[in-house]
Amino acid sequence: MTEYCKPKNPYFVSLIIFSILTLAFSFIIFIPVILQSDLMDWGYALSFISFFLAISFLITTIIISGFYRRAEKIFLDENVIVHWKYDKELWSEFVKNEYIAEKKDKRFLFLTILVFVFIISMIFILINREVWKGFLIIFSALLMVTGILSFLVPELKKRSYLKTLPQVFISLKGVYLTGEFHIWGYLTAKLEKATLDRKNMQIKIGYSYIASYQKVYKEIRIPVPAGRLDEAVRATEQLEEKKNEKNKK
């Protein structure tokens, strides 16, 4: 494998934690038997709860293991299409534009939730006017949390972008863009499109996944460094070919 400045796999710590939890609760299942305690007293309850948690943690470990392996495959020579590092000026400009776009998206989301909460509150108050104080407190707290998050998320993303080595790996298995991993071809994640925006000199990659029983679309915007237009064209063409191959199967 080519010696890249390979980022840390973000799933490694979670994989270790859930593996340990799975082993721990698998062992706890047998503690009542080992201690020869009265199963009818508390042994059955402890074993049952531990069995349920062990199975839950095992399933989670398997899923995270899959994400871990897919993240590692992004950096394999056979999968990497392009690897770019960015100079400070280009990256600062990109982060600034992403921050503005992210703030607009989160502001729109906050306003949507605000309207939704207002309508629901009015319906409940009309049904039962005695509960308006309770709903006012609950929904005010919800709006406060949503408002704080709509401000914090873009800010935290901006800081993460600025303190991480600015580089991108565009791979057949996914994309790594300065601290962020985007993976498709696993579970419900599916590559949808790969286009080149020549006006803004960006590669735009769209993928989807199922969350809460509905399809969620996500777009990755990747700045193209000066003199790398040919590589950008090749990257989008290869991703589109890969997508079309998957769709034919």
C-alpha atoms as a PDB file:
ATOM      1  CA  MET A   1       0.000   0.000   0.000  1.00  0.00           C
ATOM      2  CA  THR A   2       1.194   3.543  -0.817  1.00  0.00           C
ATOM      3  CA  GLU A   3       2.444   5.457   2.227  1.00  0.00           C
ATOM      4  CA  TYR A   4      -0.211   8.083   2.745  1.00  0.00           C
ATOM      5  CA  CYS A   5      -0.636  10.334   5.756  1.00  0.00           C
ATOM      6  CA  LYS A   6      -3.378   7.955   6.826  1.00  0.00           C
ATOM      7  CA  PRO A   7      -5.980   9.374   9.244  1.00  0.00           C
ATOM      8  CA  LYS A   8      -7.108   7.493  12.336  1.00  0.00           C
ATOM      9  CA  ASN A   9     -10.088   5.220  11.884  1.00  0.00           C
ATOM     10  CA  PRO A  10     -12.922   6.807  13.943  1.00  0.00           C
ATOM     11  CA  TYR A  11     -14.614   3.444  14.478  1.00  0.00           C
ATOM     12  CA  PHE A  12     -11.654   1.823  16.247  1.00  0.00           C
ATOM     13  CA  VAL A  13     -12.428   3.089  19.769  1.00  0.00           C
ATOM     14  CA  SER A  14     -16.134   2.236  19.459  1.00  0.00           C
ATOM     15  CA  LEU A  15     -15.241  -1.234  18.183  1.00  0.00           C
ATOM     16  CA  ILE A  16     -12.997  -1.909  21.200  1.00  0.00           C
ATOM     17  CA  ILE A  17     -15.566  -0.564  23.696  1.00  0.00           C
ATOM     18  CA  PHE A  18     -18.490  -2.597  22.367  1.00  0.00           C
ATOM     19  CA  SER A  19     -16.344  -5.736  22.047  1.00  0.00           C
ATOM     20  CA  ILE A  20     -15.395  -5.413  25.726  1.00  0.00           C
ATOM     21  CA  LEU A  21     -19.034  -4.819  26.719  1.00  0.00           C
ATOM     22  CA  THR A  22     -20.111  -7.902  24.752  1.00  0.00           C
ATOM     23  CA  LEU A  23     -17.527 -10.097  26.516  1.00  0.00           C
ATOM     24  CA  ALA A  24     -18.312  -8.579  29.925  1.00  0.00           C
ATOM     25  CA  PHE A  25     -22.054  -9.191  29.772  1.00  0.00           C
ATOM     26  CA  SER A  26     -21.522 -12.632  28.221  1.00  0.00           C
ATOM     27  CA  PHE A  27     -19.531 -13.486  31.349  1.00  0.00           C
ATOM     28  CA  ILE A  28     -22.112 -11.931  33.696  1.00  0.00           C
ATOM     29  CA  ILE A  29     -24.756 -14.309  32.298  1.00  0.00           C
ATOM     30  CA  PHE A  30     -23.034 -17.175  34.121  1.00  0.00           C
ATOM     31  CA  ILE A  31     -22.237 -15.355  37.378  1.00  0.00           C
ATOM     32  CA  PRO A  32     -25.320 -16.731  39.242  1.00  0.00           C
ATOM     33  CA  VAL A  33     -24.249 -20.275  38.329  1.00  0.00           C
ATOM     34  CA  ILE A  34     -20.606 -19.640  39.237  1.00  0.00           C
ATOM     35  CA  LEU A  35     -21.607 -18.158  42.602  1.00  0.00           C
ATOM     36  CA  GLN A  36     -24.212 -20.922  43.067  1.00  0.00           C
ATOM     37  CA  SER A  37     -26.788 -18.314  44.004  1.00  0.00           C
ATOM     38  CA  ASP A  38     -30.539 -18.820  44.214  1.00  0.00           C
ATOM     39  CA  LEU A  39     -31.732 -18.428  40.635  1.00  0.00           C
ATOM     40  CA  MET A  40     -35.280 -17.758  41.757  1.00  0.00           C
ATOM     41  CA  ASP A  41     -34.086 -14.886  43.935  1.00  0.00           C
ATOM     42  CA  TRP A  42     -32.134 -12.664  41.519  1.00  0.00           C
ATOM     43  CA  GLY A  43     -30.127 -15.054  39.330  1.00  0.00           C
ATOM     44  CA  TYR A  44     -32.650 -15.442  36.491  1.00  0.00           C
ATOM     45  CA  ALA A  45     -33.214 -11.689  36.260  1.00  0.00           C
ATOM     46  CA  LEU A  46     -29.479 -10.944  36.144  1.00  0.00           C
ATOM     47  CA  SER A  47     -28.820 -13.661  33.544  1.00  0.00           C
ATOM     48  CA  PHE A  48     -31.767 -12.584  31.374  1.00  0.00           C
ATOM     49  CA  ILE A  49     -30.817  -8.887  31.395  1.00  0.00           C
ATOM     50  CA  SER A  50     -27.153  -9.755  30.756  1.00  0.00           C
ATOM     51  CA  PHE A  51     -28.116 -12.067  27.875  1.00  0.00           C
ATOM     52  CA  PHE A  52     -30.238  -9.331  26.287  1.00  0.00           C
ATOM     53  CA  LEU A  53     -27.453  -6.733  26.650  1.00  0.00           C
ATOM     54  CA  ALA A  54     -24.784  -9.155  25.380  1.00  0.00           C
ATOM     55  CA  ILE A  55     -26.820  -9.854  22.226  1.00  0.00           C
ATOM     56  CA  SER A  56     -27.469  -6.113  21.707  1.00  0.00           C
ATOM     57  CA  PHE A  57     -23.787  -5.232  22.128  1.00  0.00           C
ATOM     58  CA  LEU A  58     -22.763  -8.131  19.855  1.00  0.00           C
ATOM     59  CA  ILE A  59     -25.005  -6.865  17.041  1.00  0.00           C
ATOM     60  CA  THR A  60     -23.640  -3.337  17.533  1.00  0.00           C
ATOM     61  CA  THR A  61     -20.068  -4.679  17.473  1.00  0.00           C
ATOM     62  CA  ILE A  62     -20.720  -6.503  14.183  1.00  0.00           C
ATOM     63  CA  ILE A  63     -22.179  -3.358  12.582  1.00  0.00           C
ATOM     64  CA  ILE A  64     -19.324  -1.130  13.804  1.00  0.00           C
ATOM     65  CA  SER A  65     -16.818  -3.757  12.645  1.00  0.00           C
ATOM     66  CA  GLY A  66     -18.290  -3.455   9.170  1.00  0.00           C
ATOM     67  CA  PHE A  67     -17.904   0.330   9.210  1.00  0.00           C
ATOM     68  CA  TYR A  68     -14.344  -0.061  10.510  1.00  0.00           C
ATOM     69  CA  ARG A  69     -13.378  -2.389   7.646  1.00  0.00           C
ATOM     70  CA  ARG A  70     -15.065  -0.161   5.049  1.00  0.00           C
ATOM     71  CA  ALA A  71     -13.235   2.899   6.403  1.00  0.00           C
ATOM     72  CA  GLU A  72      -9.912   1.042   6.131  1.00  0.00           C
ATOM     73  CA  LYS A  73     -10.679   0.094   2.507  1.00  0.00           C
ATOM     74  CA  ILE A  74     -10.924   3.769   1.547  1.00  0.00           C
ATOM     75  CA  PHE A  75      -7.122   4.021   1.770  1.00  0.00           C
ATOM     76  CA  LEU A  76      -6.204   0.868  -0.185  1.00  0.00           C
ATOM     77  CA  ASP A  77      -4.325   1.467  -3.451  1.00  0.00           C
ATOM     78  CA  GLU A  78      -6.858  -0.569  -5.410  1.00  0.00           C
ATOM     79  CA  ASN A  79      -9.679   1.734  -4.275  1.00  0.00           C
ATOM     80  CA  VAL A  80      -8.073   5.209  -4.082  1.00  0.00           C
ATOM     81  CA  ILE A  81      -8.871   7.325  -7.143  1.00  0.00           C
ATOM     82  CA  VAL A  82      -7.328  10.608  -6.017  1.00  0.00           C
ATOM     83  CA  HIS A  83      -5.557  11.907  -2.932  1.00  0.00           C
ATOM     84  CA  TRP A  84      -5.175  15.651  -2.591  1.00  0.00           C
ATOM     85  CA  LYS A  85      -3.669  17.879   0.074  1.00  0.00           C
ATOM     86  CA  TYR A  86      -4.807  21.490   0.242  1.00  0.00           C
ATOM     87  CA  ASP A  87      -2.870  24.692   0.765  1.00  0.00           C
ATOM     88  CA  LYS A  88      -3.956  27.004   3.565  1.00  0.00           C
ATOM     89  CA  GLU A  89      -5.525  29.659   1.336  1.00  0.00           C
ATOM     90  CA  LEU A  90      -7.753  27.291  -0.658  1.00  0.00           C
ATOM     91  CA  TRP A  91      -8.807  25.352   2.405  1.00  0.00           C
ATOM     92  CA  SER A  92      -9.629  28.479   4.457  1.00  0.00           C
ATOM     93  CA  GLU A  93     -11.845  29.765   1.642  1.00  0.00           C
ATOM     94  CA  PHE A  94     -13.603  26.393   1.354  1.00  0.00           C
ATOM     95  CA  VAL A  95     -14.197  26.181   5.124  1.00  0.00           C
ATOM     96  CA  LYS A  96     -15.615  29.705   5.137  1.00  0.00           C
ATOM     97  CA  ASN A  97     -18.104  28.879   2.367  1.00  0.00           C
ATOM     98  CA  GLU A  98     -19.051  25.550   3.987  1.00  0.00           C
ATOM     99  CA  TYR A  99     -19.658  27.308   7.294  1.00  0.00           C
ATOM    100  CA  ILE A 100     -22.022  29.807   5.659  1.00  0.00           C
ATOM    101  CA  ALA A 101     -23.904  27.034   3.826  1.00  0.00           C
ATOM    102  CA  GLU A 102     -24.129  24.909   6.983  1.00  0.00           C
ATOM    103  CA  LYS A 103     -25.505  27.836   9.002  1.00  0.00           C
ATOM    104  CA  LYS A 104     -28.213  28.420   6.384  1.00  0.00           C
ATOM    105  CA  ASP A 105     -29.197  24.731   6.418  1.00  0.00           C
ATOM    106  CA  LYS A 106     -29.369  24.587  10.213  1.00  0.00           C
ATOM    107  CA  ARG A 107     -31.303  27.866  10.390  1.00  0.00           C
ATOM    108  CA  PHE A 108     -33.868  26.488   7.945  1.00  0.00           C
ATOM    109  CA  LEU A 109     -34.147  23.297  10.018  1.00  0.00           C
ATOM    110  CA  PHE A 110     -34.640  25.336  13.199  1.00  0.00           C
ATOM    111  CA  LEU A 111     -37.392  27.444  11.610  1.00  0.00           C
ATOM    112  CA  THR A 112     -39.113  24.286  10.326  1.00  0.00           C
ATOM    113  CA  ILE A 113     -39.077  22.778  13.830  1.00  0.00           C
ATOM    114  CA  LEU A 114     -40.305  26.105  15.267  1.00  0.00           C
ATOM    115  CA  VAL A 115     -43.355  26.099  12.970  1.00  0.00           C
ATOM    116  CA  PHE A 116     -44.032  22.420  13.677  1.00  0.00           C
ATOM    117  CA  VAL A 117     -43.807  22.935  17.463  1.00  0.00           C
ATOM    118  CA  PHE A 118     -46.103  25.971  17.284  1.00  0.00           C
ATOM    119  CA  ILE A 119     -48.773  24.051  15.354  1.00  0.00           C
ATOM    120  CA  ILE A 120     -48.614  21.034  17.695  1.00  0.00           C
ATOM    121  CA  SER A 121     -48.768  23.322  20.745  1.00  0.00           C
ATOM    122  CA  MET A 122     -51.852  25.099  19.434  1.00  0.00           C
ATOM    123  CA  ILE A 123     -53.602  21.790  18.743  1.00  0.00           C
ATOM    124  CA  PHE A 124     -52.960  20.479  22.264  1.00  0.00           C
ATOM    125  CA  ILE A 125     -53.949  23.762  23.893  1.00  0.00           C
ATOM    126  CA  LEU A 126     -57.235  23.838  21.961  1.00  0.00           C
ATOM    127  CA  ILE A 127     -57.954  20.242  23.019  1.00  0.00           C
ATOM    128  CA  ASN A 128     -57.087  20.813  26.665  1.00  0.00           C
ATOM    129  CA  ARG A 129     -56.427  24.387  27.785  1.00  0.00           C
ATOM    130  CA  GLU A 130     -55.292  23.280  31.242  1.00  0.00           C
ATOM    131  CA  VAL A 131     -52.050  21.752  29.929  1.00  0.00           C
ATOM    132  CA  TRP A 132     -50.741  24.850  28.170  1.00  0.00           C
ATOM    133  CA  LYS A 133     -48.188  25.644  30.901  1.00  0.00           C
ATOM    134  CA  GLY A 134     -46.635  22.184  30.743  1.00  0.00           C
ATOM    135  CA  PHE A 135     -46.447  22.227  26.966  1.00  0.00           C
ATOM    136  CA  LEU A 136     -44.990  25.722  27.028  1.00  0.00           C
ATOM    137  CA  ILE A 137     -42.134  24.516  29.257  1.00  0.00           C
ATOM    138  CA  ILE A 138     -41.497  21.326  27.240  1.00  0.00           C
ATOM    139  CA  PHE A 139     -41.556  22.953  23.839  1.00  0.00           C
ATOM    140  CA  SER A 140     -39.534  25.960  25.018  1.00  0.00           C
ATOM    141  CA  ALA A 141     -36.844  23.557  26.230  1.00  0.00           C
ATOM    142  CA  LEU A 142     -36.981  21.692  22.912  1.00  0.00           C
ATOM    143  CA  LEU A 143     -36.596  24.901  20.940  1.00  0.00           C
ATOM    144  CA  MET A 144     -33.743  26.023  23.167  1.00  0.00           C
ATOM    145  CA  VAL A 145     -31.835  22.771  22.610  1.00  0.00           C
ATOM    146  CA  THR A 146     -32.515  22.851  18.850  1.00  0.00           C
ATOM    147  CA  GLY A 147     -31.441  26.489  18.638  1.00  0.00           C
ATOM    148  CA  ILE A 148     -28.192  25.814  20.496  1.00  0.00           C
ATOM    149  CA  LEU A 149     -27.420  22.809  18.276  1.00  0.00           C
ATOM    150  CA  SER A 150     -28.183  24.770  15.102  1.00  0.00           C
ATOM    151  CA  PHE A 151     -25.456  27.197  16.187  1.00  0.00           C
ATOM    152  CA  LEU A 152     -22.971  24.695  17.641  1.00  0.00           C
ATOM    153  CA  VAL A 153     -22.925  22.091  14.849  1.00  0.00           C
ATOM    154  CA  PRO A 154     -21.624  24.444  12.092  1.00  0.00           C
ATOM    155  CA  GLU A 155     -19.166  26.011  14.551  1.00  0.00           C
ATOM    156  CA  LEU A 156     -17.777  22.641  15.706  1.00  0.00           C
ATOM    157  CA  LYS A 157     -17.511  21.428  12.114  1.00  0.00           C
ATOM    158  CA  LYS A 158     -15.618  24.588  11.165  1.00  0.00           C
ATOM    159  CA  ARG A 159     -13.157  24.163  14.046  1.00  0.00           C
ATOM    160  CA  SER A 160     -12.642  20.498  13.200  1.00  0.00           C
ATOM    161  CA  TYR A 161     -11.894  21.377   9.569  1.00  0.00           C
ATOM    162  CA  LEU A 162      -9.377  24.056  10.578  1.00  0.00           C
ATOM    163  CA  LYS A 163      -7.423  21.976  13.110  1.00  0.00           C
ATOM    164  CA  THR A 164      -7.214  18.777  10.994  1.00  0.00           C
ATOM    165  CA  LEU A 165      -4.689  18.214   8.198  1.00  0.00           C
ATOM    166  CA  PRO A 166      -6.560  19.381   5.056  1.00  0.00           C
ATOM    167  CA  GLN A 167      -6.633  16.450   2.660  1.00  0.00           C
ATOM    168  CA  VAL A 168      -9.096  14.275   0.784  1.00  0.00           C
ATOM    169  CA  PHE A 169      -9.164  10.651  -0.307  1.00  0.00           C
ATOM    170  CA  ILE A 170     -11.719   9.917  -3.006  1.00  0.00           C
ATOM    171  CA  SER A 171     -12.147   6.167  -3.190  1.00  0.00           C
ATOM    172  CA  LEU A 172     -14.450   3.637  -4.791  1.00  0.00           C
ATOM    173  CA  LYS A 173     -15.537   2.666  -1.259  1.00  0.00           C
ATOM    174  CA  GLY A 174     -16.096   6.144   0.157  1.00  0.00           C
ATOM    175  CA  VAL A 175     -14.558   9.532   0.867  1.00  0.00           C
ATOM    176  CA  TYR A 176     -12.380  10.914   3.623  1.00  0.00           C
ATOM    177  CA  LEU A 177     -12.487  14.710   3.774  1.00  0.00           C
ATOM    178  CA  THR A 178     -10.442  16.273   6.585  1.00  0.00           C
ATOM    179  CA  GLY A 179     -11.770  14.380   9.586  1.00  0.00           C
ATOM    180  CA  GLU A 180     -15.018  13.152   8.044  1.00  0.00           C
ATOM    181  CA  PHE A 181     -15.647   9.656   6.700  1.00  0.00           C
ATOM    182  CA  HIS A 182     -18.388   9.029   4.139  1.00  0.00           C
ATOM    183  CA  ILE A 183     -19.002   5.360   3.340  1.00  0.00           C
ATOM    184  CA  TRP A 184     -21.330   3.699   0.847  1.00  0.00           C
ATOM    185  CA  GLY A 185     -21.890   0.128  -0.252  1.00  0.00           C
ATOM    186  CA  TYR A 186     -22.574  -1.024   3.319  1.00  0.00           C
ATOM    187  CA  LEU A 187     -25.960  -1.702   4.911  1.00  0.00           C
ATOM    188  CA  THR A 188     -28.368   0.789   3.285  1.00  0.00           C
ATOM    189  CA  ALA A 189     -25.753   3.364   2.177  1.00  0.00           C
ATOM    190  CA  LYS A 190     -25.744   3.784  -1.611  1.00  0.00           C
ATOM    191  CA  LEU A 191     -23.789   5.999  -4.011  1.00  0.00           C
ATOM    192  CA  GLU A 192     -26.265   8.162  -5.938  1.00  0.00           C
ATOM    193  CA  LYS A 193     -24.215  10.536  -8.093  1.00  0.00           C
ATOM    194  CA  ALA A 194     -20.810  12.066  -8.728  1.00  0.00           C
ATOM    195  CA  THR A 195     -20.587  15.322 -10.663  1.00  0.00           C
ATOM    196  CA  LEU A 196     -18.017  18.022 -11.357  1.00  0.00           C
ATOM    197  CA  ASP A 197     -19.044  21.623 -10.709  1.00  0.00           C
ATOM    198  CA  ARG A 198     -16.604  23.469 -12.963  1.00  0.00           C
ATOM    199  CA  LYS A 199     -17.951  26.893 -11.964  1.00  0.00           C
ATOM    200  CA  ASN A 200     -17.114  26.442  -8.272  1.00  0.00           C
ATOM    201  CA  MET A 201     -14.324  23.912  -8.951  1.00  0.00           C
ATOM    202  CA  GLN A 202     -15.857  21.267  -6.714  1.00  0.00           C
ATOM    203  CA  ILE A 203     -16.619  17.574  -6.954  1.00  0.00           C
ATOM    204  CA  LYS A 204     -20.105  16.880  -5.642  1.00  0.00           C
ATOM    205  CA  ILE A 205     -20.807  13.340  -4.498  1.00  0.00           C
ATOM    206  CA  GLY A 206     -24.265  12.344  -3.361  1.00  0.00           C
ATOM    207  CA  TYR A 207     -25.137   9.222  -1.426  1.00  0.00           C
ATOM    208  CA  SER A 208     -28.173   7.975   0.480  1.00  0.00           C
ATOM    209  CA  TYR A 209     -28.993   5.766   3.435  1.00  0.00           C
ATOM    210  CA  ILE A 210     -32.062   4.702   5.369  1.00  0.00           C
ATOM    211  CA  ALA A 211     -32.677   6.388   8.730  1.00  0.00           C
ATOM    212  CA  SER A 212     -35.893   6.130  10.746  1.00  0.00           C
ATOM    213  CA  TYR A 213     -37.569   4.224   7.896  1.00  0.00           C
ATOM    214  CA  GLN A 214     -36.945   6.959   5.342  1.00  0.00           C
ATOM    215  CA  LYS A 215     -34.310   7.669   2.739  1.00  0.00           C
ATOM    216  CA  VAL A 216     -31.800  10.381   3.654  1.00  0.00           C
ATOM    217  CA  TYR A 217     -29.682  12.082   0.988  1.00  0.00           C
ATOM    218  CA  LYS A 218     -26.296  13.593   1.734  1.00  0.00           C
ATOM    219  CA  GLU A 219     -23.990  15.605  -0.527  1.00  0.00           C
ATOM    220  CA  ILE A 220     -20.225  15.926  -0.118  1.00  0.00           C
ATOM    221  CA  ARG A 221     -18.598  18.992  -1.635  1.00  0.00           C
ATOM    222  CA  ILE A 222     -14.897  18.533  -2.373  1.00  0.00           C
ATOM    223  CA  PRO A 223     -12.728  21.454  -3.549  1.00  0.00           C
ATOM    224  CA  VAL A 224     -10.535  20.758  -6.568  1.00  0.00           C
ATOM    225  CA  PRO A 225      -6.967  22.123  -6.218  1.00  0.00           C
ATOM    226  CA  ALA A 226      -5.445  24.171  -9.024  1.00  0.00           C
ATOM    227  CA  GLY A 227      -4.082  22.032 -11.840  1.00  0.00           C
ATOM    228  CA  ARG A 228      -6.035  18.919 -10.772  1.00  0.00           C
ATOM    229  CA  LEU A 229      -9.036  19.263 -13.089  1.00  0.00           C
ATOM    230  CA  ASP A 230      -8.107  16.163 -15.121  1.00  0.00           C
ATOM    231  CA  GLU A 231      -7.930  14.074 -11.942  1.00  0.00           C
ATOM    232  CA  ALA A 232     -11.306  15.452 -10.846  1.00  0.00           C
ATOM    233  CA  VAL A 233     -12.876  14.457 -14.173  1.00  0.00           C
ATOM    234  CA  ARG A 234     -11.380  10.966 -13.861  1.00  0.00           C
ATOM    235  CA  ALA A 235     -12.665  10.639 -10.296  1.00  0.00           C
ATOM    236  CA  THR A 236     -16.260  11.517 -11.183  1.00  0.00           C
ATOM    237  CA  GLU A 237     -16.184   9.240 -14.229  1.00  0.00           C
ATOM    238  CA  GLN A 238     -14.923   6.260 -12.218  1.00  0.00           C
ATOM    239  CA  LEU A 239     -17.484   6.796  -9.465  1.00  0.00           C
ATOM    240  CA  GLU A 240     -20.280   7.027 -12.011  1.00  0.00           C
ATOM    241  CA  GLU A 241     -19.060   3.825 -13.669  1.00  0.00           C
ATOM    242  CA  LYS A 242     -18.984   2.112 -10.285  1.00  0.00           C
ATOM    243  CA  LYS A 243     -22.508   3.302  -9.523  1.00  0.00           C
ATOM    244  CA  ASN A 244     -23.827   2.088 -12.881  1.00  0.00           C
ATOM    245  CA  GLU A 245     -22.219  -1.323 -12.349  1.00  0.00           C
ATOM    246  CA  LYS A 246     -23.959  -1.643  -8.984  1.00  0.00           C
ATOM    247  CA  ASN A 247     -27.310  -0.616 -10.467  1.00  0.00           C
ATOM    248  CA  LYS A 248     -27.073  -3.278 -13.182  1.00  0.00           C
ATOM    249  CA  LYS A 249     -26.614  -6.079 -10.627  1.00  0.00           C
END
